[in-house]
Amino acid sequence: MNKFPPQEAMIEGLAFWDKAIDGQEINTGSVYLIEEFDPLNPNLAGRRIVEYKTGSAELVKPYIQLHKDGKLQFPLKARITFALITGKSTTSVRVVEFQPLTAQAQQKAA
């Protein structure tokens, strides 16, 4: 696993799945980031929301609960660490760590 240096980003949402489907346990999460389009590309304008998978639902579960409790609002500014994950026939970029940059979220998730 090759980690990239942490960077600041805006999180628009989170999701997870931690159940079995057809007898196979699936434990995964997703972080939805707001990304600006390349301003040098004349065919693009504005921004988009991009899904990045996590290795585990545990990374996002506490923050989803904080949102449900009304203690965390989106979009959320965070410091995010990505990693390049390589398998037998695939390569993907995953979120392996993130830390909200709002004091309220940092205290509540601890």
Protein backbone atom coordinates (compact mmCIF):
# COMPACT_ATOMS: atom_id res chain seq x y z
CA MET A 1 0.00 0.00 0.00
CA ASN A 2 1.43 3.35 -1.05
CA LYS A 3 0.08 6.29 0.95
CA PHE A 4 -0.11 9.78 -0.48
CA PRO A 5 0.52 12.86 1.70
CA PRO A 6 -2.64 14.05 3.51
CA GLN A 7 -4.62 16.80 1.82
CA GLU A 8 -7.58 18.98 2.70
CA ALA A 9 -10.88 18.27 0.97
CA MET A 10 -14.61 18.84 1.37
CA ILE A 11 -16.67 15.77 2.22
CA GLU A 12 -20.23 15.90 0.89
CA GLY A 13 -21.36 12.60 2.40
CA LEU A 14 -20.47 9.18 3.82
CA ALA A 15 -21.88 5.67 3.44
CA PHE A 16 -21.09 2.15 4.62
CA TRP A 17 -22.15 -1.47 4.29
CA ASP A 18 -21.39 -3.99 7.03
CA LYS A 19 -23.57 -7.06 6.38
CA ALA A 20 -23.56 -10.34 4.51
CA ILE A 21 -24.87 -10.72 0.98
CA ASP A 22 -25.43 -14.29 -0.23
CA GLY A 23 -23.37 -15.57 2.70
CA GLN A 24 -20.38 -13.33 1.99
CA GLU A 25 -19.46 -10.72 4.60
CA ILE A 26 -19.02 -7.25 3.12
CA ASN A 27 -17.47 -4.49 5.20
CA THR A 28 -16.81 -1.31 3.23
CA GLY A 29 -17.34 2.42 3.38
CA SER A 30 -17.47 5.34 0.98
CA VAL A 31 -16.42 8.96 1.26
CA TYR A 32 -18.01 11.37 -1.23
CA LEU A 33 -15.69 14.29 -1.99
CA ILE A 34 -16.39 17.55 -3.76
CA GLU A 35 -13.83 18.04 -6.52
CA GLU A 36 -13.40 21.13 -8.65
CA PHE A 37 -13.20 20.64 -12.40
CA ASP A 38 -9.98 21.65 -14.12
CA PRO A 39 -10.37 25.39 -14.85
CA LEU A 40 -8.00 25.04 -17.81
CA ASN A 41 -10.35 22.63 -19.58
CA PRO A 42 -12.80 24.70 -21.67
CA ASN A 43 -15.32 21.82 -21.72
CA LEU A 44 -15.81 21.74 -17.95
CA ALA A 45 -17.19 24.15 -15.37
CA GLY A 46 -18.07 23.86 -11.70
CA ARG A 47 -17.51 20.81 -9.55
CA ARG A 48 -18.49 17.17 -9.11
CA ILE A 49 -18.93 14.64 -6.32
CA VAL A 50 -16.60 11.64 -6.50
CA GLU A 51 -16.92 8.42 -4.47
CA TYR A 52 -13.79 6.97 -2.87
CA LYS A 53 -14.00 3.61 -1.12
CA THR A 54 -12.54 2.90 2.31
CA GLY A 55 -11.13 -0.41 3.48
CA SER A 56 -13.65 -0.71 6.30
CA ALA A 57 -17.03 0.57 7.42
CA GLU A 58 -15.42 1.43 10.77
CA LEU A 59 -13.74 4.48 9.24
CA VAL A 60 -17.03 6.25 8.51
CA LYS A 61 -19.53 4.78 11.04
CA PRO A 62 -18.78 7.23 13.91
CA TYR A 63 -19.24 10.25 11.66
CA ILE A 64 -22.49 8.96 10.21
CA GLN A 65 -23.80 8.59 13.77
CA LEU A 66 -22.72 12.15 14.61
CA HIS A 67 -24.63 13.37 11.56
CA LYS A 68 -27.75 11.44 12.58
CA ASP A 69 -27.47 12.95 16.07
CA GLY A 70 -27.35 16.45 14.54
CA LYS A 71 -23.77 17.03 15.71
CA LEU A 72 -22.09 17.00 12.29
CA GLN A 73 -23.16 18.78 9.13
CA PHE A 74 -22.11 18.36 5.50
CA PRO A 75 -20.21 19.53 3.60
CA LEU A 76 -17.38 18.86 6.03
CA LYS A 77 -13.79 20.06 5.65
CA ALA A 78 -11.32 17.27 6.47
CA ARG A 79 -7.71 16.18 6.14
CA ILE A 80 -7.75 13.01 4.03
CA THR A 81 -5.09 10.39 3.36
CA PHE A 82 -5.37 8.31 0.20
CA ALA A 83 -3.54 5.09 -0.65
CA LEU A 84 -2.94 3.24 -3.88
CA ILE A 85 -4.19 -0.33 -3.45
CA THR A 86 -3.06 -2.94 -5.95
CA GLY A 87 -4.54 -6.39 -6.40
CA LYS A 88 -4.03 -9.22 -8.85
CA SER A 89 -5.74 -7.43 -11.70
CA THR A 90 -6.92 -4.09 -10.31
CA THR A 91 -5.54 -0.88 -8.89
CA SER A 92 -7.64 1.59 -6.93
CA VAL A 93 -7.31 4.71 -4.82
CA ARG A 94 -8.89 4.43 -1.36
CA VAL A 95 -9.37 6.72 1.60
CA VAL A 96 -7.40 5.15 4.45
CA GLU A 97 -7.68 7.97 7.02
CA PHE A 98 -9.57 11.19 7.48
CA GLN A 99 -9.75 13.76 10.24
CA PRO A 100 -12.44 16.43 10.33
CA LEU A 101 -10.98 19.90 10.65
CA THR A 102 -13.90 21.24 12.68
CA ALA A 103 -13.27 21.21 16.43
CA GLN A 104 -16.81 19.97 17.14
CA ALA A 105 -16.44 16.83 15.01
CA GLN A 106 -12.96 16.08 16.38
CA GLN A 107 -14.19 16.16 19.98
CA LYS A 108 -17.36 14.15 19.38
CA ALA A 109 -15.69 11.34 17.40
CA ALA A 110 -12.95 10.77 19.96
